Amino acid sequence: MSRPFLKMNGLGNDFVVVEARSTPFQPTAEQVRAIADRTSGVGCDQLIVLEPPAPGDGVDARVRFWNSDGEEVAACGNGTRCVGWLLMQASGQDQAVIETKAGKLYAQRAGERLVSVDMGKPGLDWRDIPLAREQDTRALDVTLYPDPVLATAPGCVSMGNPHVVFFVADIDSAPVKAAGPMVEHHPLFPEAVNVGFAQVLDRGRIRLTVWERGAGLTQACGTGACAALVAAARRDLTDRTAVLVLDGGELLIEWRDDDHVIMTGPAAVDFAGELP
């Protein structure tokens, strides 16, 4: 039997979402790559599978994420927002609880096709990222890529997945496509890393481009936006609430006093189909 799916996107970061709460779906890495292929498959940045939660734990769905290279990952911010919207539409409620490998995430309706997700507390210790050796994650004391545009020491944050954030004066001159894949697989990051390039426009606005681990350059990265805000606020470059301007649109990120990071942005359904 063929399996139905929804094609969704959050600010152009696009997903194939598969319902597996009634019929299990355990894709191989090869199958994930075939689905994600934009020439011969459906095409997406990530594959998302909704699975049934354990009974009695107060969760609406268990969610798993795979990058387009076939590797399963623990977290995906834009994907979580899309899943939250789906679950709330199905239940008629204004909130949803989602179980991920990074822990429980809480989604709440924030307007017409707008969703806020409590992404939890950022990991700021070098072992949280993780790094191969001890470093001050506020500003790494290591050269990750030899380019004067990236001379400012980057910061590191875990949002359930690892992020490194370079602060640049002009994002248009940043060597994103050259540095992204090199830094992604730098020996300092044993699990590889998402690479953010952030230009602080003012204390409440950051321009951001992200080279995503296992997916490459995408239109938007939700966890990357959260990581960039936290990294900037730790260095007093911005306030603890800011608008993140990505290629696909804008996200509002708030690092609250209780240490939780809240991400608010849109979710959209592109089309429905069936996997071959």
C-alpha atoms as a PDB file:
ATOM      1  CA  MET A   1       0.000   0.000   0.000  1.00  0.00           C
ATOM      2  CA  SER A   2       1.155   3.543  -0.648  1.00  0.00           C
ATOM      3  CA  ARG A   3       1.496   5.844   2.343  1.00  0.00           C
ATOM      4  CA  PRO A   4      -0.020   9.351   2.458  1.00  0.00           C
ATOM      5  CA  PHE A   5       2.089  12.362   3.379  1.00  0.00           C
ATOM      6  CA  LEU A   6       1.784  16.118   3.745  1.00  0.00           C
ATOM      7  CA  LYS A   7       4.331  18.510   2.286  1.00  0.00           C
ATOM      8  CA  MET A   8       4.723  21.410   4.748  1.00  0.00           C
ATOM      9  CA  ASN A   9       7.072  24.304   5.255  1.00  0.00           C
ATOM     10  CA  GLY A  10       8.079  26.767   7.919  1.00  0.00           C
ATOM     11  CA  LEU A  11       9.489  29.887   6.243  1.00  0.00           C
ATOM     12  CA  GLY A  12      10.510  27.811   3.231  1.00  0.00           C
ATOM     13  CA  ASN A  13      12.272  25.157   5.333  1.00  0.00           C
ATOM     14  CA  ASP A  14      10.302  22.251   3.869  1.00  0.00           C
ATOM     15  CA  PHE A  15       9.266  18.848   5.162  1.00  0.00           C
ATOM     16  CA  VAL A  16       7.598  15.622   4.147  1.00  0.00           C
ATOM     17  CA  VAL A  17       5.376  14.703   7.111  1.00  0.00           C
ATOM     18  CA  VAL A  18       4.283  11.059   7.386  1.00  0.00           C
ATOM     19  CA  GLU A  19       1.536   9.825   9.731  1.00  0.00           C
ATOM     20  CA  ALA A  20       2.699   6.619  11.454  1.00  0.00           C
ATOM     21  CA  ARG A  21       0.499   6.528  14.553  1.00  0.00           C
ATOM     22  CA  SER A  22      -1.667   3.755  13.113  1.00  0.00           C
ATOM     23  CA  THR A  23       0.807   1.995  10.797  1.00  0.00           C
ATOM     24  CA  PRO A  24       4.507   1.945  11.742  1.00  0.00           C
ATOM     25  CA  PHE A  25       7.022   3.522   9.377  1.00  0.00           C
ATOM     26  CA  GLN A  26      10.734   2.896   9.888  1.00  0.00           C
ATOM     27  CA  PRO A  27      12.536   4.370   6.876  1.00  0.00           C
ATOM     28  CA  THR A  28      16.098   3.412   6.066  1.00  0.00           C
ATOM     29  CA  ALA A  29      18.681   6.102   5.333  1.00  0.00           C
ATOM     30  CA  GLU A  30      18.427   5.176   1.659  1.00  0.00           C
ATOM     31  CA  GLN A  31      14.639   5.616   1.696  1.00  0.00           C
ATOM     32  CA  VAL A  32      14.960   8.992   3.415  1.00  0.00           C
ATOM     33  CA  ARG A  33      17.419  10.181   0.761  1.00  0.00           C
ATOM     34  CA  ALA A  34      15.085   8.943  -1.991  1.00  0.00           C
ATOM     35  CA  ILE A  35      12.092  10.801  -0.520  1.00  0.00           C
ATOM     36  CA  ALA A  36      14.139  13.984   0.015  1.00  0.00           C
ATOM     37  CA  ASP A  37      15.625  13.971  -3.503  1.00  0.00           C
ATOM     38  CA  ARG A  38      14.271  17.037  -5.309  1.00  0.00           C
ATOM     39  CA  THR A  39      14.713  15.482  -8.747  1.00  0.00           C
ATOM     40  CA  SER A  40      13.391  11.939  -8.389  1.00  0.00           C
ATOM     41  CA  GLY A  41      11.576  12.068  -5.041  1.00  0.00           C
ATOM     42  CA  VAL A  42       9.151  14.395  -3.273  1.00  0.00           C
ATOM     43  CA  GLY A  43      11.927  16.772  -2.247  1.00  0.00           C
ATOM     44  CA  CYS A  44      12.466  18.214   1.225  1.00  0.00           C
ATOM     45  CA  ASP A  45      15.013  19.429   3.758  1.00  0.00           C
ATOM     46  CA  GLN A  46      13.778  16.977   6.406  1.00  0.00           C
ATOM     47  CA  LEU A  47      11.509  13.942   6.708  1.00  0.00           C
ATOM     48  CA  ILE A  48       9.194  13.980   9.740  1.00  0.00           C
ATOM     49  CA  VAL A  49       7.374  10.929  11.098  1.00  0.00           C
ATOM     50  CA  LEU A  50       4.563  11.113  13.668  1.00  0.00           C
ATOM     51  CA  GLU A  51       4.443   8.073  15.953  1.00  0.00           C
ATOM     52  CA  PRO A  52       2.067   7.120  18.811  1.00  0.00           C
ATOM     53  CA  PRO A  53       3.119   8.304  22.276  1.00  0.00           C
ATOM     54  CA  ALA A  54       3.508   6.019  25.268  1.00  0.00           C
ATOM     55  CA  PRO A  55       0.136   5.637  27.065  1.00  0.00           C
ATOM     56  CA  GLY A  56      -0.524   8.040  29.909  1.00  0.00           C
ATOM     57  CA  ASP A  57       2.428  10.401  29.478  1.00  0.00           C
ATOM     58  CA  GLY A  58       0.319  13.371  28.356  1.00  0.00           C
ATOM     59  CA  VAL A  59       1.905  13.602  24.902  1.00  0.00           C
ATOM     60  CA  ASP A  60      -0.043  14.125  21.663  1.00  0.00           C
ATOM     61  CA  ALA A  61       2.534  12.478  19.408  1.00  0.00           C
ATOM     62  CA  ARG A  62       6.093  11.244  19.316  1.00  0.00           C
ATOM     63  CA  VAL A  63       7.997  12.849  16.453  1.00  0.00           C
ATOM     64  CA  ARG A  64      11.177  11.776  14.675  1.00  0.00           C
ATOM     65  CA  PHE A  65      13.250  13.837  12.245  1.00  0.00           C
ATOM     66  CA  TRP A  66      15.651  12.859   9.458  1.00  0.00           C
ATOM     67  CA  ASN A  67      17.836  15.252   7.485  1.00  0.00           C
ATOM     68  CA  SER A  68      17.908  14.920   3.713  1.00  0.00           C
ATOM     69  CA  ASP A  69      21.210  13.018   3.907  1.00  0.00           C
ATOM     70  CA  GLY A  70      19.402  10.158   5.689  1.00  0.00           C
ATOM     71  CA  GLU A  71      20.694  10.828   9.210  1.00  0.00           C
ATOM     72  CA  GLU A  72      18.183  10.936  12.067  1.00  0.00           C
ATOM     73  CA  VAL A  73      18.469  14.021  14.284  1.00  0.00           C
ATOM     74  CA  ALA A  74      17.008  14.929  17.667  1.00  0.00           C
ATOM     75  CA  ALA A  75      15.454  18.314  16.948  1.00  0.00           C
ATOM     76  CA  CYS A  76      14.047  20.537  14.215  1.00  0.00           C
ATOM     77  CA  GLY A  77      12.485  23.851  15.219  1.00  0.00           C
ATOM     78  CA  ASN A  78      10.523  24.704  12.068  1.00  0.00           C
ATOM     79  CA  GLY A  79       9.421  21.078  11.780  1.00  0.00           C
ATOM     80  CA  THR A  80       8.180  21.049  15.362  1.00  0.00           C
ATOM     81  CA  ARG A  81       6.154  24.181  14.652  1.00  0.00           C
ATOM     82  CA  CYS A  82       4.532  22.518  11.616  1.00  0.00           C
ATOM     83  CA  VAL A  83       3.735  19.362  13.581  1.00  0.00           C
ATOM     84  CA  GLY A  84       2.308  21.437  16.417  1.00  0.00           C
ATOM     85  CA  TRP A  85      -0.042  23.178  14.003  1.00  0.00           C
ATOM     86  CA  LEU A  86      -1.172  19.822  12.559  1.00  0.00           C
ATOM     87  CA  LEU A  87      -1.871  18.352  15.984  1.00  0.00           C
ATOM     88  CA  MET A  88      -3.790  21.428  17.132  1.00  0.00           C
ATOM     89  CA  GLN A  89      -5.858  21.435  13.936  1.00  0.00           C
ATOM     90  CA  ALA A  90      -6.729  17.768  14.484  1.00  0.00           C
ATOM     91  CA  SER A  91      -7.633  18.152  18.174  1.00  0.00           C
ATOM     92  CA  GLY A  92      -9.291  21.567  18.001  1.00  0.00           C
ATOM     93  CA  GLN A  93      -7.154  22.609  20.964  1.00  0.00           C
ATOM     94  CA  ASP A  94      -4.824  25.588  21.286  1.00  0.00           C
ATOM     95  CA  GLN A  95      -1.855  23.616  22.543  1.00  0.00           C
ATOM     96  CA  ALA A  96      -0.023  20.368  21.848  1.00  0.00           C
ATOM     97  CA  VAL A  97       2.694  18.379  23.589  1.00  0.00           C
ATOM     98  CA  ILE A  98       5.294  16.773  21.324  1.00  0.00           C
ATOM     99  CA  GLU A  99       7.830  14.133  22.358  1.00  0.00           C
ATOM    100  CA  THR A 100      11.185  14.296  20.533  1.00  0.00           C
ATOM    101  CA  LYS A 101      14.596  12.780  21.123  1.00  0.00           C
ATOM    102  CA  ALA A 102      15.535  16.178  22.563  1.00  0.00           C
ATOM    103  CA  GLY A 103      12.685  15.938  25.113  1.00  0.00           C
ATOM    104  CA  LYS A 104       9.128  17.224  25.361  1.00  0.00           C
ATOM    105  CA  LEU A 105       8.312  20.385  23.417  1.00  0.00           C
ATOM    106  CA  TYR A 106       5.186  22.471  23.942  1.00  0.00           C
ATOM    107  CA  ALA A 107       3.392  24.150  21.043  1.00  0.00           C
ATOM    108  CA  GLN A 108       0.712  26.827  21.379  1.00  0.00           C
ATOM    109  CA  ARG A 109      -1.479  28.579  18.845  1.00  0.00           C
ATOM    110  CA  ALA A 110      -0.315  32.179  18.417  1.00  0.00           C
ATOM    111  CA  GLY A 111      -2.605  33.424  15.631  1.00  0.00           C
ATOM    112  CA  GLU A 112      -3.762  32.428  12.166  1.00  0.00           C
ATOM    113  CA  ARG A 113      -1.243  29.738  11.120  1.00  0.00           C
ATOM    114  CA  LEU A 114       1.154  31.093  13.741  1.00  0.00           C
ATOM    115  CA  VAL A 115       2.608  28.738  16.341  1.00  0.00           C
ATOM    116  CA  SER A 116       4.786  29.314  19.400  1.00  0.00           C
ATOM    117  CA  VAL A 117       6.984  26.455  20.573  1.00  0.00           C
ATOM    118  CA  ASP A 118       8.756  26.263  23.922  1.00  0.00           C
ATOM    119  CA  MET A 119      12.086  24.854  22.754  1.00  0.00           C
ATOM    120  CA  GLY A 120      13.310  24.288  26.313  1.00  0.00           C
ATOM    121  CA  LYS A 121      16.557  25.457  27.865  1.00  0.00           C
ATOM    122  CA  PRO A 122      19.659  25.962  25.715  1.00  0.00           C
ATOM    123  CA  GLY A 123      22.713  23.809  26.398  1.00  0.00           C
ATOM    124  CA  LEU A 124      25.686  26.076  27.061  1.00  0.00           C
ATOM    125  CA  ASP A 125      28.314  23.766  28.527  1.00  0.00           C
ATOM    126  CA  TRP A 126      30.921  22.459  26.065  1.00  0.00           C
ATOM    127  CA  ARG A 127      29.758  18.913  26.800  1.00  0.00           C
ATOM    128  CA  ASP A 128      26.163  19.848  25.864  1.00  0.00           C
ATOM    129  CA  ILE A 129      27.074  20.781  22.290  1.00  0.00           C
ATOM    130  CA  PRO A 130      29.130  18.457  22.340  1.00  0.00           C
ATOM    131  CA  LEU A 131      32.677  19.621  21.644  1.00  0.00           C
ATOM    132  CA  ALA A 132      35.714  17.386  21.373  1.00  0.00           C
ATOM    133  CA  ARG A 133      37.512  19.344  24.113  1.00  0.00           C
ATOM    134  CA  GLU A 134      36.776  21.963  26.736  1.00  0.00           C
ATOM    135  CA  GLN A 135      36.034  25.436  25.404  1.00  0.00           C
ATOM    136  CA  ASP A 136      34.255  28.597  26.529  1.00  0.00           C
ATOM    137  CA  THR A 137      31.111  28.295  24.399  1.00  0.00           C
ATOM    138  CA  ARG A 138      30.484  32.036  24.635  1.00  0.00           C
ATOM    139  CA  ALA A 139      33.488  32.590  22.333  1.00  0.00           C
ATOM    140  CA  LEU A 140      35.515  29.660  21.031  1.00  0.00           C
ATOM    141  CA  ASP A 141      39.283  29.973  21.225  1.00  0.00           C
ATOM    142  CA  VAL A 142      39.908  28.142  17.939  1.00  0.00           C
ATOM    143  CA  THR A 143      40.050  29.007  14.234  1.00  0.00           C
ATOM    144  CA  LEU A 144      37.355  26.997  12.472  1.00  0.00           C
ATOM    145  CA  TYR A 145      37.795  28.530   9.026  1.00  0.00           C
ATOM    146  CA  PRO A 146      40.644  30.761   7.794  1.00  0.00           C
ATOM    147  CA  ASP A 147      38.831  33.829   6.523  1.00  0.00           C
ATOM    148  CA  PRO A 148      39.094  37.391   7.928  1.00  0.00           C
ATOM    149  CA  VAL A 149      35.310  37.803   7.561  1.00  0.00           C
ATOM    150  CA  LEU A 150      34.943  35.072  10.201  1.00  0.00           C
ATOM    151  CA  ALA A 151      37.693  36.402  12.467  1.00  0.00           C
ATOM    152  CA  THR A 152      35.358  37.070  15.428  1.00  0.00           C
ATOM    153  CA  ALA A 153      35.304  34.065  17.759  1.00  0.00           C
ATOM    154  CA  PRO A 154      32.032  32.159  17.237  1.00  0.00           C
ATOM    155  CA  GLY A 155      29.704  31.012  20.006  1.00  0.00           C
ATOM    156  CA  CYS A 156      28.169  27.578  20.524  1.00  0.00           C
ATOM    157  CA  VAL A 157      24.690  26.595  21.718  1.00  0.00           C
ATOM    158  CA  SER A 158      22.792  23.315  21.836  1.00  0.00           C
ATOM    159  CA  MET A 159      19.064  23.514  21.106  1.00  0.00           C
ATOM    160  CA  GLY A 160      18.726  19.726  21.227  1.00  0.00           C
ATOM    161  CA  ASN A 161      21.116  19.776  18.276  1.00  0.00           C
ATOM    162  CA  PRO A 162      24.548  21.438  18.003  1.00  0.00           C
ATOM    163  CA  HIS A 163      25.020  24.973  16.670  1.00  0.00           C
ATOM    164  CA  VAL A 164      27.979  27.253  16.121  1.00  0.00           C
ATOM    165  CA  VAL A 165      27.251  30.928  15.358  1.00  0.00           C
ATOM    166  CA  PHE A 166      29.631  33.326  13.603  1.00  0.00           C
ATOM    167  CA  PHE A 167      28.923  37.047  13.999  1.00  0.00           C
ATOM    168  CA  VAL A 168      29.693  38.964  10.812  1.00  0.00           C
ATOM    169  CA  ALA A 169      29.567  42.639   9.822  1.00  0.00           C
ATOM    170  CA  ASP A 170      27.880  41.918   6.473  1.00  0.00           C
ATOM    171  CA  ILE A 171      26.156  38.614   5.879  1.00  0.00           C
ATOM    172  CA  ASP A 172      26.238  39.081   2.100  1.00  0.00           C
ATOM    173  CA  SER A 173      30.037  38.909   2.159  1.00  0.00           C
ATOM    174  CA  ALA A 174      30.200  35.883   4.477  1.00  0.00           C
ATOM    175  CA  PRO A 175      31.606  32.718   2.816  1.00  0.00           C
ATOM    176  CA  VAL A 176      28.554  30.647   3.747  1.00  0.00           C
ATOM    177  CA  LYS A 177      28.781  28.022   0.987  1.00  0.00           C
ATOM    178  CA  ALA A 178      32.534  27.603   1.383  1.00  0.00           C
ATOM    179  CA  ALA A 179      32.783  27.679   5.182  1.00  0.00           C
ATOM    180  CA  GLY A 180      29.502  25.889   5.955  1.00  0.00           C
ATOM    181  CA  PRO A 181      30.455  22.346   4.915  1.00  0.00           C
ATOM    182  CA  MET A 182      34.024  22.726   6.226  1.00  0.00           C
ATOM    183  CA  VAL A 183      32.941  23.878   9.695  1.00  0.00           C
ATOM    184  CA  GLU A 184      30.070  21.359   9.780  1.00  0.00           C
ATOM    185  CA  HIS A 185      32.612  18.523   9.838  1.00  0.00           C
ATOM    186  CA  HIS A 186      35.388  20.228  11.838  1.00  0.00           C
ATOM    187  CA  PRO A 187      37.080  17.843  14.327  1.00  0.00           C
ATOM    188  CA  LEU A 188      35.941  20.049  17.222  1.00  0.00           C
ATOM    189  CA  PHE A 189      32.380  18.797  16.607  1.00  0.00           C
ATOM    190  CA  PRO A 190      32.253  14.988  16.969  1.00  0.00           C
ATOM    191  CA  GLU A 191      28.559  14.914  15.988  1.00  0.00           C
ATOM    192  CA  ALA A 192      29.023  17.587  13.273  1.00  0.00           C
ATOM    193  CA  VAL A 193      27.321  20.984  13.700  1.00  0.00           C
ATOM    194  CA  ASN A 194      24.813  23.447  12.251  1.00  0.00           C
ATOM    195  CA  VAL A 195      26.666  26.591  11.151  1.00  0.00           C
ATOM    196  CA  GLY A 196      25.004  29.985  11.587  1.00  0.00           C
ATOM    197  CA  PHE A 197      26.153  33.305  10.110  1.00  0.00           C
ATOM    198  CA  ALA A 198      24.542  36.197  12.006  1.00  0.00           C
ATOM    199  CA  GLN A 199      24.584  39.920  11.320  1.00  0.00           C
ATOM    200  CA  VAL A 200      23.269  41.964  14.263  1.00  0.00           C
ATOM    201  CA  LEU A 201      21.177  44.781  12.754  1.00  0.00           C
ATOM    202  CA  ASP A 202      20.210  46.288  16.122  1.00  0.00           C
ATOM    203  CA  ARG A 203      19.467  45.032  19.633  1.00  0.00           C
ATOM    204  CA  GLY A 204      16.143  43.600  18.530  1.00  0.00           C
ATOM    205  CA  ARG A 205      16.906  42.300  15.043  1.00  0.00           C
ATOM    206  CA  ILE A 206      19.370  39.754  13.611  1.00  0.00           C
ATOM    207  CA  ARG A 207      19.897  38.746   9.991  1.00  0.00           C
ATOM    208  CA  LEU A 208      20.712  35.023   9.852  1.00  0.00           C
ATOM    209  CA  THR A 209      21.757  32.385   7.337  1.00  0.00           C
ATOM    210  CA  VAL A 210      22.282  28.761   8.409  1.00  0.00           C
ATOM    211  CA  TRP A 211      24.190  25.915   6.810  1.00  0.00           C
ATOM    212  CA  GLU A 212      22.284  22.984   8.307  1.00  0.00           C
ATOM    213  CA  ARG A 213      24.011  19.788   9.328  1.00  0.00           C
ATOM    214  CA  GLY A 214      23.044  17.072   6.870  1.00  0.00           C
ATOM    215  CA  ALA A 215      20.841  19.366   4.764  1.00  0.00           C
ATOM    216  CA  GLY A 216      23.049  22.232   3.586  1.00  0.00           C
ATOM    217  CA  LEU A 217      21.832  25.766   2.980  1.00  0.00           C
ATOM    218  CA  THR A 218      18.110  26.128   3.788  1.00  0.00           C
ATOM    219  CA  GLN A 219      15.604  28.976   3.667  1.00  0.00           C
ATOM    220  CA  ALA A 220      15.236  28.964   7.450  1.00  0.00           C
ATOM    221  CA  CYS A 221      16.366  27.042  10.526  1.00  0.00           C
ATOM    222  CA  GLY A 222      14.269  27.284  13.690  1.00  0.00           C
ATOM    223  CA  THR A 223      16.783  25.878  16.142  1.00  0.00           C
ATOM    224  CA  GLY A 224      19.455  27.947  14.385  1.00  0.00           C
ATOM    225  CA  ALA A 225      17.427  31.101  15.032  1.00  0.00           C
ATOM    226  CA  CYS A 226      17.088  30.153  18.712  1.00  0.00           C
ATOM    227  CA  ALA A 227      20.817  29.452  18.966  1.00  0.00           C
ATOM    228  CA  ALA A 228      21.736  32.751  17.280  1.00  0.00           C
ATOM    229  CA  LEU A 229      19.601  34.786  19.693  1.00  0.00           C
ATOM    230  CA  VAL A 230      21.054  33.009  22.724  1.00  0.00           C
ATOM    231  CA  ALA A 231      24.624  33.377  21.437  1.00  0.00           C
ATOM    232  CA  ALA A 232      24.070  37.094  20.732  1.00  0.00           C
ATOM    233  CA  ALA A 233      22.408  37.810  24.073  1.00  0.00           C
ATOM    234  CA  ARG A 234      25.189  36.027  25.972  1.00  0.00           C
ATOM    235  CA  ARG A 235      27.637  38.525  24.482  1.00  0.00           C
ATOM    236  CA  ASP A 236      25.258  41.476  25.053  1.00  0.00           C
ATOM    237  CA  LEU A 237      25.000  42.102  21.325  1.00  0.00           C
ATOM    238  CA  THR A 238      21.181  42.028  21.532  1.00  0.00           C
ATOM    239  CA  ASP A 239      18.394  41.929  24.063  1.00  0.00           C
ATOM    240  CA  ARG A 240      16.938  38.554  25.077  1.00  0.00           C
ATOM    241  CA  THR A 241      14.059  38.990  22.611  1.00  0.00           C
ATOM    242  CA  ALA A 242      14.678  39.641  18.926  1.00  0.00           C
ATOM    243  CA  VAL A 243      13.296  39.151  15.436  1.00  0.00           C
ATOM    244  CA  LEU A 244      15.433  36.772  13.381  1.00  0.00           C
ATOM    245  CA  VAL A 245      15.372  37.637   9.670  1.00  0.00           C
ATOM    246  CA  LEU A 246      16.012  34.522   7.572  1.00  0.00           C
ATOM    247  CA  ASP A 247      15.891  34.017   3.813  1.00  0.00           C
ATOM    248  CA  GLY A 248      12.408  32.513   4.113  1.00  0.00           C
ATOM    249  CA  GLY A 249      10.927  35.109   6.486  1.00  0.00           C
ATOM    250  CA  GLU A 250      10.972  36.157  10.129  1.00  0.00           C
ATOM    251  CA  LEU A 251      10.849  34.369  13.483  1.00  0.00           C
ATOM    252  CA  LEU A 252      10.328  35.952  16.893  1.00  0.00           C
ATOM    253  CA  ILE A 253      12.695  34.403  19.439  1.00  0.00           C
ATOM    254  CA  GLU A 254      12.505  35.048  23.192  1.00  0.00           C
ATOM    255  CA  TRP A 255      15.020  33.770  25.758  1.00  0.00           C
ATOM    256  CA  ARG A 256      12.910  34.082  28.874  1.00  0.00           C
ATOM    257  CA  ASP A 257      14.109  34.695  32.415  1.00  0.00           C
ATOM    258  CA  ASP A 258      13.254  31.060  33.269  1.00  0.00           C
ATOM    259  CA  ASP A 259      15.926  30.093  30.681  1.00  0.00           C
ATOM    260  CA  HIS A 260      13.392  28.659  28.195  1.00  0.00           C
ATOM    261  CA  VAL A 261      13.623  29.710  24.549  1.00  0.00           C
ATOM    262  CA  ILE A 262      10.303  30.480  22.797  1.00  0.00           C
ATOM    263  CA  MET A 263      10.093  30.452  18.997  1.00  0.00           C
ATOM    264  CA  THR A 264       7.084  31.962  17.198  1.00  0.00           C
ATOM    265  CA  GLY A 265       6.469  31.777  13.467  1.00  0.00           C
ATOM    266  CA  PRO A 266       4.227  30.472  10.681  1.00  0.00           C
ATOM    267  CA  ALA A 267       3.423  26.950   9.494  1.00  0.00           C
ATOM    268  CA  ALA A 268       2.071  26.138   6.042  1.00  0.00           C
ATOM    269  CA  VAL A 269       0.738  23.108   4.168  1.00  0.00           C
ATOM    270  CA  ASP A 270       1.901  22.958   0.543  1.00  0.00           C
ATOM    271  CA  PHE A 271       0.177  19.804  -0.736  1.00  0.00           C
ATOM    272  CA  ALA A 272      -0.796  16.220   0.070  1.00  0.00           C
ATOM    273  CA  GLY A 273       0.384  13.102  -1.728  1.00  0.00           C
ATOM    274  CA  GLU A 274       1.287   9.445  -1.430  1.00  0.00           C
ATOM    275  CA  LEU A 275       4.762   7.976  -1.172  1.00  0.00           C
ATOM    276  CA  PRO A 276       5.489   5.512  -3.985  1.00  0.00           C
END
